[in-house]
Amino acid sequence: MKSEEILRLVDTIHRSKEIEKEIVFQGIEACLLSAVRRKHGESETDNVVIDRETGETIVLQNGEEIDAEELGRLAAMSGKQVLFQKIREAERDKIFEEYEGKIGQLVSGVVQRNEGPNLIVSLGRVEGFLPRSEQAPGERFRVGERIKALVKDVQKSTNRVKITLSRTAHELVSALFALEIPEVQENAIEIKKIAREAGYRTKIAVTTTDTNIDCVGACVGVRGSRIKNIVDELFGEKIDIVRWNESDEGLIIQALKPAEISTMDLVDDTMTATIYVKPDQQSLAIGKRGQNVRLASKLTGWELVIEPITDEELEQKRKGGAGEIEVDIEDEELGDETEATTELPVEQEAGDDSKAEPQDEAAGETEEPAGDDSEDDAQDDAEETGDGDETAEVTEEPAGDDSEDDAQDDAEETGDGDETAEVTDTETSKDGDSDEESAADIEESTEETES
């Protein structure tokens, strides 16, 4: 083989098989070395060297250079098989490295043929294997039809690479979302979790950190245009898009949509949630064949139990919860009262009149003995006049008024009313015998002040 033909062959294989030129050169050298050993027998000194720049070939047999064209047809055929084997191994390693990095990614191909219930899909330079167990129920593909599938596994065998595809994996839905929705591909919308029963229904929880983006609306698209393409690719599989919530209660409410939840009880130890719904919402919450509650349980990580509840039971349950709240409110009111009690001294300082009234009453009680004497004198006067009880009552009031009027008149005449009033009070408290004696004392004190 001429040098130009060798260089041309290396370049062609490199372009068509995407194999490095060095590997092709090594394959040609192994091919010629196999031909030499077949023609002249094996020897440790046998060697073949090809110049990488010029393509010139040097064949050494027992230390002597020989012409490669003299090896014969049988030797050439043997060397050709070695060359093909080297190329296949190089191509296999290249494909394995390429698709090993595509595990979990979406690939597109054409249905090549059916092998029983399994499908052989052409992915370009390699074929993919789609077993029946990885096909969703209700999916039917014809030969020549395009198909999208997920790369599930890649294995290297002696002659080829076996690529197993899947259309039932959860990652297929997220890959389709990334393909159809730019916000998901750009990570503006994050898919938090997916729960799927392939061929029937899927629940997907999404969230976003951008407040200007409605994560659910962006996934649905205008009039459902975006989600429609995904549903068509999945052969009409129902997809529920829910908004992710960090709290367990909020996530359960979102996951069980479109059913409306009345109330719920959560048990953290067993991760069990009892969901109470109205009787007309029970079938909607459970879903067809239990799909809705089953997928919601997978999405939230809680074991969900759906229980019906009537309006009366719900009212009682709410009242029970409200009772606890009322206890808290009472405690708060008690706390407010204690706070108000601590501020009472300030209020008492501001309102001294409230204290003054009891003191006046006490003072009145201490002055009662003097009042008793005056009543006795009045009764004595009543006995002398023979007027009876009615006269006694009438004489009580004038007696008190006359004493006060006399004291005021004396204070006005002297001009020292304050001092006279003080003297009068003190003398009245000391001498409580009768109103006549107190009047005599007042006259004496008045004469002293006039002198």
Protein backbone atom coordinates (compact mmCIF):
# COMPACT_ATOMS: atom_id res chain seq x y z
CA MET A 1 0.00 0.00 0.00
CA LYS A 2 1.36 3.38 -0.98
CA SER A 3 2.00 6.13 1.53
CA GLU A 4 -0.73 8.38 0.14
CA GLU A 5 -3.30 5.59 0.34
CA ILE A 6 -2.42 4.93 3.98
CA LEU A 7 -2.82 8.59 4.92
CA ARG A 8 -6.12 8.78 3.02
CA LEU A 9 -7.42 5.63 4.75
CA VAL A 10 -6.50 6.96 8.18
CA ASP A 11 -8.23 10.28 7.53
CA THR A 12 -11.42 8.58 6.25
CA ILE A 13 -11.75 6.28 9.25
CA HIS A 14 -11.02 9.20 11.58
CA ARG A 15 -13.84 11.28 10.09
CA SER A 16 -16.45 8.56 9.72
CA LYS A 17 -15.94 6.75 13.00
CA GLU A 18 -14.75 9.75 15.01
CA ILE A 19 -11.72 7.81 16.12
CA GLU A 20 -8.38 9.40 16.78
CA LYS A 21 -5.78 9.03 14.00
CA GLU A 22 -3.25 7.52 16.34
CA ILE A 23 -5.58 4.62 17.05
CA VAL A 24 -6.06 4.06 13.31
CA PHE A 25 -2.29 4.06 12.71
CA GLN A 26 -1.84 1.54 15.51
CA GLY A 27 -4.54 -0.62 13.94
CA ILE A 28 -2.80 -0.63 10.54
CA GLU A 29 0.52 -1.51 12.17
CA ALA A 30 -1.13 -4.41 14.02
CA CYS A 31 -2.73 -5.50 10.74
CA LEU A 32 0.62 -5.63 8.86
CA LEU A 33 2.38 -7.31 11.80
CA SER A 34 -0.28 -10.06 11.85
CA ALA A 35 0.19 -10.58 8.11
CA VAL A 36 3.98 -10.88 8.48
CA ARG A 37 3.67 -13.47 11.26
CA ARG A 38 1.15 -15.44 9.24
CA LYS A 39 3.48 -15.46 6.23
CA HIS A 40 6.86 -16.02 7.89
CA GLY A 41 6.01 -17.17 11.40
CA GLU A 42 6.28 -15.40 14.72
CA SER A 43 9.51 -13.75 15.78
CA GLU A 44 10.39 -11.39 18.60
CA THR A 45 12.20 -9.11 16.19
CA ASP A 46 9.17 -8.62 13.93
CA ASN A 47 8.01 -5.02 13.82
CA VAL A 48 6.04 -2.59 11.67
CA VAL A 49 6.49 1.18 11.79
CA ILE A 50 4.41 3.76 9.88
CA ASP A 51 5.54 7.35 9.60
CA ARG A 52 2.70 9.55 10.88
CA GLU A 53 3.58 12.43 8.55
CA THR A 54 4.50 10.80 5.27
CA GLY A 55 2.73 7.45 5.63
CA GLU A 56 5.91 5.56 4.74
CA THR A 57 5.78 1.95 6.03
CA ILE A 58 8.76 -0.08 7.26
CA VAL A 59 8.21 -3.83 7.83
CA LEU A 60 10.93 -5.74 9.70
CA GLN A 61 11.04 -9.54 9.80
CA ASN A 62 13.92 -11.16 11.75
CA GLY A 63 15.66 -7.78 11.68
CA GLU A 64 15.43 -7.46 7.92
CA GLU A 65 13.22 -5.05 6.03
CA ILE A 66 10.76 -6.66 3.63
CA ASP A 67 8.21 -5.36 1.14
CA ALA A 68 4.66 -5.34 2.52
CA GLU A 69 3.23 -6.09 -0.95
CA GLU A 70 4.96 -9.50 -0.94
CA LEU A 71 2.90 -10.77 2.04
CA GLY A 72 0.18 -12.25 -0.17
CA ARG A 73 -3.59 -12.24 -0.23
CA LEU A 74 -4.23 -14.56 2.73
CA ALA A 75 -1.93 -12.57 4.96
CA ALA A 76 -3.64 -9.37 3.88
CA MET A 77 -7.10 -10.80 4.72
CA SER A 78 -5.88 -11.83 8.16
CA GLY A 79 -4.46 -8.38 8.76
CA LYS A 80 -7.70 -6.79 7.60
CA GLN A 81 -9.67 -8.61 10.31
CA VAL A 82 -7.24 -7.35 12.92
CA LEU A 83 -7.65 -3.80 11.62
CA PHE A 84 -11.44 -4.02 11.80
CA GLN A 85 -11.27 -5.44 15.30
CA LYS A 86 -9.10 -2.56 16.44
CA ILE A 87 -11.46 -0.05 14.88
CA ARG A 88 -14.50 -1.67 16.50
CA GLU A 89 -12.87 -1.65 19.92
CA ALA A 90 -11.91 1.99 19.54
CA GLU A 91 -15.40 2.88 18.38
CA ARG A 92 -16.94 0.93 21.26
CA ASP A 93 -14.80 2.75 23.82
CA LYS A 94 -15.69 6.08 22.24
CA ILE A 95 -19.43 5.37 22.33
CA PHE A 96 -19.26 4.07 25.89
CA GLU A 97 -17.53 7.23 27.10
CA GLU A 98 -20.06 9.39 25.27
CA TYR A 99 -23.22 7.71 26.54
CA GLU A 100 -21.91 7.03 30.01
CA GLY A 101 -22.08 10.79 30.54
CA LYS A 102 -25.64 10.85 29.18
CA ILE A 103 -27.17 8.57 31.80
CA GLY A 104 -30.33 10.28 33.05
CA GLN A 105 -30.54 12.51 29.98
CA LEU A 106 -33.09 12.63 27.19
CA VAL A 107 -32.18 11.24 23.76
CA SER A 108 -34.14 11.17 20.54
CA GLY A 109 -34.13 8.38 17.97
CA VAL A 110 -36.10 6.43 15.39
CA VAL A 111 -37.75 3.09 15.95
CA GLN A 112 -35.62 0.69 13.94
CA ARG A 113 -37.39 -2.62 14.47
CA ASN A 114 -39.37 -4.72 16.92
CA GLU A 115 -37.88 -7.68 18.73
CA GLY A 116 -40.96 -9.19 20.28
CA PRO A 117 -42.36 -6.66 22.78
CA ASN A 118 -39.01 -4.83 22.84
CA LEU A 119 -37.97 -1.95 20.59
CA ILE A 120 -34.64 -1.28 18.90
CA VAL A 121 -34.13 2.46 18.52
CA SER A 122 -31.52 3.96 16.22
CA LEU A 123 -29.63 6.75 17.98
CA GLY A 124 -27.27 7.49 15.13
CA ARG A 125 -24.03 5.55 15.35
CA VAL A 126 -25.43 3.21 17.95
CA GLU A 127 -28.68 1.43 18.71
CA GLY A 128 -30.65 1.71 21.91
CA PHE A 129 -32.66 -1.03 23.56
CA LEU A 130 -36.13 -0.23 24.94
CA PRO A 131 -37.54 -3.23 26.83
CA ARG A 132 -41.25 -3.70 27.40
CA SER A 133 -40.80 -3.17 31.16
CA GLU A 134 -39.58 0.37 30.46
CA GLN A 135 -42.51 1.24 28.19
CA ALA A 136 -45.52 3.00 29.71
CA PRO A 137 -48.92 1.28 29.46
CA GLY A 138 -50.85 2.36 26.40
CA GLU A 139 -47.79 3.35 24.35
CA ARG A 140 -47.54 1.92 20.87
CA PHE A 141 -44.73 2.80 18.46
CA ARG A 142 -44.43 1.94 14.79
CA VAL A 143 -41.25 1.36 12.81
CA GLY A 144 -39.84 4.63 11.48
CA GLU A 145 -41.59 6.73 14.15
CA ARG A 146 -39.50 9.17 16.17
CA ILE A 147 -39.27 8.57 19.89
CA LYS A 148 -37.85 10.35 22.94
CA ALA A 149 -36.50 8.27 25.77
CA LEU A 150 -34.24 8.49 28.78
CA VAL A 151 -30.84 6.81 28.93
CA LYS A 152 -31.12 4.47 31.90
CA ASP A 153 -28.04 2.26 31.67
CA VAL A 154 -24.91 1.78 29.53
CA GLN A 155 -22.98 -1.49 29.45
CA LYS A 156 -19.89 -2.47 27.48
CA SER A 157 -19.86 -5.93 25.90
CA THR A 158 -17.19 -7.61 23.78
CA ASN A 159 -18.35 -6.29 20.44
CA ARG A 160 -20.74 -3.41 21.21
CA VAL A 161 -22.24 -1.10 23.77
CA LYS A 162 -25.69 -1.93 25.10
CA ILE A 163 -27.71 1.23 25.83
CA THR A 164 -30.91 0.64 27.80
CA LEU A 165 -33.61 3.26 27.34
CA SER A 166 -36.62 4.05 29.53
CA ARG A 167 -39.92 5.88 29.21
CA THR A 168 -41.22 5.18 32.73
CA ALA A 169 -38.58 6.98 34.80
CA HIS A 170 -39.44 10.14 36.72
CA GLU A 171 -36.51 11.93 35.14
CA LEU A 172 -38.20 11.65 31.72
CA VAL A 173 -40.86 14.15 32.84
CA SER A 174 -38.30 16.61 34.19
CA ALA A 175 -36.26 16.28 30.98
CA LEU A 176 -39.35 17.02 28.89
CA PHE A 177 -40.10 20.05 31.08
CA ALA A 178 -36.57 21.33 30.54
CA LEU A 179 -36.97 20.79 26.79
CA GLU A 180 -40.30 22.60 26.48
CA ILE A 181 -39.98 25.29 29.19
CA PRO A 182 -37.01 27.70 28.93
CA GLU A 183 -37.37 28.82 32.57
CA VAL A 184 -36.75 25.27 33.75
CA GLN A 185 -33.73 24.89 31.49
CA GLU A 186 -32.32 28.18 32.76
CA ASN A 187 -32.96 27.12 36.39
CA ALA A 188 -35.31 30.06 36.96
CA ILE A 189 -37.92 27.44 37.88
CA GLU A 190 -36.79 24.50 39.97
CA ILE A 191 -38.48 21.10 39.97
CA LYS A 192 -38.43 20.02 43.61
CA LYS A 193 -40.03 16.59 43.41
CA ILE A 194 -41.90 14.28 41.04
CA ALA A 195 -44.31 11.46 41.78
CA ARG A 196 -45.35 9.42 38.76
CA GLU A 197 -47.36 6.40 37.72
CA ALA A 198 -46.26 6.05 34.12
CA GLY A 199 -49.05 6.14 31.60
CA TYR A 200 -51.67 7.34 34.07
CA ARG A 201 -50.81 10.38 36.16
CA THR A 202 -47.91 12.52 37.36
CA LYS A 203 -47.65 15.11 40.13
CA ILE A 204 -44.78 17.58 39.93
CA ALA A 205 -43.91 20.24 42.52
CA VAL A 206 -42.18 23.37 41.23
CA THR A 207 -40.87 26.55 42.83
CA THR A 208 -38.96 29.68 41.87
CA THR A 209 -36.78 32.28 43.56
CA ASP A 210 -37.80 35.00 41.10
CA THR A 211 -40.88 36.84 42.39
CA ASN A 212 -41.68 38.05 38.86
CA ILE A 213 -42.25 34.48 37.62
CA ASP A 214 -45.37 32.44 38.24
CA CYS A 215 -43.86 28.96 38.34
CA VAL A 216 -47.13 27.12 37.74
CA GLY A 217 -48.35 29.48 35.02
CA ALA A 218 -45.01 29.38 33.21
CA CYS A 219 -45.12 25.57 33.13
CA VAL A 220 -48.67 25.51 31.81
CA GLY A 221 -48.09 28.16 29.15
CA VAL A 222 -50.54 30.32 27.27
CA ARG A 223 -53.78 28.32 27.02
CA GLY A 224 -51.83 25.23 28.04
CA SER A 225 -49.54 25.29 25.00
CA ARG A 226 -46.41 24.17 26.87
CA ILE A 227 -47.92 21.43 28.96
CA LYS A 228 -49.90 20.17 25.95
CA ASN A 229 -46.70 19.24 24.11
CA ILE A 230 -45.49 17.25 27.11
CA VAL A 231 -48.82 15.47 27.52
CA ASP A 232 -48.84 14.56 23.81
CA GLU A 233 -45.33 13.13 24.10
CA LEU A 234 -46.50 10.99 27.04
CA PHE A 235 -49.57 9.74 25.13
CA GLY A 236 -52.14 11.69 27.13
CA GLU A 237 -50.74 11.10 30.61
CA LYS A 238 -52.31 13.52 33.14
CA ILE A 239 -49.90 15.96 34.76
CA ASP A 240 -50.70 17.92 37.94
CA ILE A 241 -48.42 20.92 38.55
CA VAL A 242 -48.44 22.03 42.18
CA ARG A 243 -46.62 24.82 43.98
CA TRP A 244 -43.92 23.67 46.37
CA ASN A 245 -44.36 24.64 50.04
CA GLU A 246 -41.73 24.31 52.75
CA SER A 247 -44.31 23.52 55.45
CA ASP A 248 -45.73 20.01 55.54
CA GLU A 249 -49.32 21.22 55.94
CA GLY A 250 -49.09 23.55 52.96
CA LEU A 251 -47.44 20.90 50.77
CA ILE A 252 -50.12 18.33 51.63
CA ILE A 253 -52.87 20.79 50.74
CA GLN A 254 -51.20 21.50 47.39
CA ALA A 255 -50.49 17.84 46.67
CA LEU A 256 -54.10 16.73 47.20
CA LYS A 257 -55.52 19.28 44.80
CA PRO A 258 -58.07 19.54 43.22
CA ALA A 259 -59.69 18.18 46.41
CA GLU A 260 -60.47 20.69 49.18
CA ILE A 261 -59.24 19.78 52.67
CA SER A 262 -61.31 20.73 55.75
CA THR A 263 -58.69 19.98 58.40
CA MET A 264 -55.87 17.55 59.17
CA ASP A 265 -54.02 15.87 62.04
CA LEU A 266 -50.29 15.19 61.71
CA VAL A 267 -48.29 12.61 63.69
CA ASP A 268 -44.60 13.41 63.30
CA ASP A 269 -43.32 10.19 64.87
CA THR A 270 -44.93 7.90 62.30
CA MET A 271 -45.11 10.49 59.49
CA THR A 272 -48.84 9.82 59.23
CA ALA A 273 -51.39 12.50 58.33
CA THR A 274 -55.14 12.06 58.74
CA ILE A 275 -56.92 14.26 56.21
CA TYR A 276 -60.53 15.23 56.86
CA VAL A 277 -62.61 16.20 53.86
CA LYS A 278 -66.30 16.76 53.16
CA PRO A 279 -68.14 13.65 51.92
CA ASP A 280 -68.48 15.11 48.42
CA GLN A 281 -64.70 15.66 48.30
CA GLN A 282 -63.67 12.19 49.47
CA SER A 283 -63.69 10.49 46.06
CA LEU A 284 -61.89 13.44 44.52
CA ALA A 285 -59.17 13.32 47.18
CA ILE A 286 -58.67 9.57 46.78
CA GLY A 287 -58.77 9.70 42.98
CA LYS A 288 -59.33 6.98 40.43
CA ARG A 289 -58.00 3.70 41.84
CA GLY A 290 -56.43 5.72 44.67
CA GLN A 291 -53.99 7.48 42.36
CA ASN A 292 -54.44 10.99 43.74
CA VAL A 293 -53.78 10.15 47.39
CA ARG A 294 -51.05 7.66 46.46
CA LEU A 295 -49.13 10.17 44.35
CA ALA A 296 -49.67 12.89 46.97
CA SER A 297 -48.20 10.57 49.59
CA LYS A 298 -45.12 9.96 47.42
CA LEU A 299 -44.77 13.68 46.72
CA THR A 300 -44.98 14.77 50.36
CA GLY A 301 -43.31 11.80 52.03
CA TRP A 302 -46.27 11.43 54.44
CA GLU A 303 -48.64 8.51 54.72
CA LEU A 304 -52.00 10.11 53.99
CA VAL A 305 -55.29 8.71 55.32
CA ILE A 306 -58.48 10.26 53.92
CA GLU A 307 -61.42 10.45 56.34
CA PRO A 308 -64.85 12.01 55.66
CA ILE A 309 -66.20 14.59 58.11
CA THR A 310 -69.62 16.21 58.40
CA ASP A 311 -70.29 19.87 59.09
CA GLU A 312 -71.32 19.10 62.68
CA GLU A 313 -68.18 17.08 63.37
CA LEU A 314 -66.05 19.77 61.77
CA GLU A 315 -67.71 22.42 63.92
CA GLN A 316 -67.10 20.38 67.04
CA LYS A 317 -63.50 19.82 66.04
CA ARG A 318 -63.02 23.52 65.44
CA LYS A 319 -64.68 24.34 68.74
CA GLY A 320 -62.30 21.98 70.45
CA GLY A 321 -59.40 23.78 68.85
CA ALA A 322 -61.00 27.15 69.66
CA GLY A 323 -61.27 26.12 73.34
CA GLU A 324 -57.53 25.86 73.49
CA ILE A 325 -57.24 29.28 71.93
CA GLU A 326 -59.70 30.70 74.49
CA VAL A 327 -57.55 29.31 77.29
CA ASP A 328 -54.61 31.12 75.85
CA ILE A 329 -56.64 34.30 75.58
CA GLU A 330 -57.74 34.00 79.22
CA ASP A 331 -54.16 33.61 80.25
CA GLU A 332 -53.30 36.73 78.32
CA GLU A 333 -56.16 38.63 80.00
CA LEU A 334 -54.91 37.49 83.39
CA GLY A 335 -51.51 38.70 82.45
CA ASP A 336 -52.96 42.06 81.49
CA GLU A 337 -54.72 42.29 84.85
CA THR A 338 -51.51 41.61 86.69
CA GLU A 339 -49.81 44.32 84.69
CA ALA A 340 -52.64 46.70 85.54
CA THR A 341 -52.30 45.78 89.22
CA THR A 342 -48.66 46.75 89.21
CA GLU A 343 -49.69 50.23 88.02
CA LEU A 344 -52.29 50.78 90.75
CA PRO A 345 -50.04 52.87 93.07
CA VAL A 346 -49.63 55.44 90.30
CA GLU A 347 -53.39 55.66 89.88
CA GLN A 348 -53.87 56.01 93.62
CA GLU A 349 -51.46 58.89 93.76
CA ALA A 350 -53.34 60.61 91.01
CA GLY A 351 -56.72 60.04 92.70
CA ASP A 352 -56.21 61.02 96.35
CA ASP A 353 -59.93 61.72 96.72
CA SER A 354 -60.64 58.01 96.80
CA LYS A 355 -58.50 57.69 99.91
CA ALA A 356 -59.84 60.87 101.45
CA GLU A 357 -63.41 59.56 101.53
CA PRO A 358 -62.66 56.60 103.80
CA GLN A 359 -60.68 58.90 106.10
CA ASP A 360 -63.65 61.28 106.37
CA GLU A 361 -65.88 58.33 107.14
CA ALA A 362 -63.47 57.25 109.82
CA ALA A 363 -63.41 60.76 111.21
CA GLY A 364 -67.18 60.75 111.20
CA GLU A 365 -67.18 57.55 113.19
CA THR A 366 -64.89 59.09 115.80
CA GLU A 367 -67.20 62.08 116.11
CA GLU A 368 -70.27 59.91 116.71
CA PRO A 369 -69.94 60.06 120.54
CA ALA A 370 -70.45 63.80 120.41
CA GLY A 371 -73.49 63.23 118.26
CA ASP A 372 -74.87 60.76 120.79
CA ASP A 373 -74.65 63.33 123.58
CA SER A 374 -76.48 65.87 121.50
CA GLU A 375 -79.19 63.28 120.78
CA ASP A 376 -79.50 62.56 124.50
CA ASP A 377 -79.89 66.27 125.24
CA ALA A 378 -82.45 66.53 122.47
CA GLN A 379 -84.37 63.60 123.88
CA ASP A 380 -84.30 65.24 127.34
CA ASP A 381 -85.70 68.42 125.83
CA ALA A 382 -88.33 66.37 124.07
CA GLU A 383 -89.39 64.76 127.34
CA GLU A 384 -89.72 68.17 128.96
CA THR A 385 -91.85 69.51 126.13
CA GLY A 386 -93.65 66.21 125.64
CA ASP A 387 -93.36 66.33 121.86
CA GLY A 388 -92.26 62.69 121.44
CA ASP A 389 -90.06 61.14 118.82
CA GLU A 390 -91.03 63.48 116.03
CA THR A 391 -89.88 66.47 118.07
CA ALA A 392 -86.63 64.69 118.80
CA GLU A 393 -85.97 64.24 115.13
CA VAL A 394 -86.69 67.84 114.39
CA THR A 395 -84.49 69.08 117.19
CA GLU A 396 -81.54 66.95 116.00
CA GLU A 397 -81.16 68.80 112.74
CA PRO A 398 -81.47 72.36 114.09
CA ALA A 399 -79.01 71.50 116.83
CA GLY A 400 -76.30 70.55 114.37
CA ASP A 401 -77.06 73.48 112.07
CA ASP A 402 -77.15 76.04 114.90
CA SER A 403 -73.77 74.93 116.15
CA GLU A 404 -72.24 75.30 112.71
CA ASP A 405 -73.96 78.66 112.05
CA ASP A 406 -72.85 80.04 115.42
CA ALA A 407 -69.28 78.99 114.71
CA GLN A 408 -69.38 80.64 111.28
CA ASP A 409 -70.93 83.88 112.68
CA ASP A 410 -68.31 84.07 115.40
CA ALA A 411 -65.56 83.51 112.81
CA GLU A 412 -66.92 86.33 110.65
CA GLU A 413 -67.14 88.75 113.57
CA THR A 414 -63.61 88.11 114.77
CA GLY A 415 -62.03 87.80 111.31
CA ASP A 416 -60.02 84.84 112.53
CA GLY A 417 -62.37 82.15 111.34
CA ASP A 418 -59.75 79.57 110.67
CA GLU A 419 -58.20 79.69 114.10
CA THR A 420 -61.64 79.75 115.74
CA ALA A 421 -62.74 76.75 113.68
CA GLU A 422 -59.68 74.84 114.79
CA VAL A 423 -60.27 75.70 118.41
CA THR A 424 -63.91 74.78 118.04
CA ASP A 425 -63.10 71.40 116.51
CA THR A 426 -60.58 70.53 119.15
CA GLU A 427 -62.78 71.62 122.00
CA THR A 428 -65.75 69.77 120.51
CA SER A 429 -63.74 66.59 120.26
CA LYS A 430 -62.60 66.92 123.89
CA ASP A 431 -65.90 67.95 125.45
CA GLY A 432 -68.64 65.89 124.02
CA ASP A 433 -71.15 66.39 126.86
CA SER A 434 -73.79 68.53 125.20
CA ASP A 435 -74.47 71.23 122.64
CA GLU A 436 -75.08 73.86 125.36
CA GLU A 437 -71.62 73.36 126.91
CA SER A 438 -69.92 73.63 123.53
CA ALA A 439 -71.79 76.88 122.84
CA ALA A 440 -70.63 78.29 126.18
CA ASP A 441 -67.04 77.42 125.35
CA ILE A 442 -67.36 79.15 122.00
CA GLU A 443 -68.65 82.33 123.69
CA GLU A 444 -65.74 82.30 126.14
CA SER A 445 -63.19 81.88 123.36
CA THR A 446 -64.83 84.74 121.45
CA GLU A 447 -64.59 87.08 124.43
CA GLU A 448 -60.93 86.24 124.84
CA THR A 449 -60.20 87.04 121.20
CA GLU A 450 -62.12 90.35 121.43
CA SER A 451 -60.13 91.40 124.49
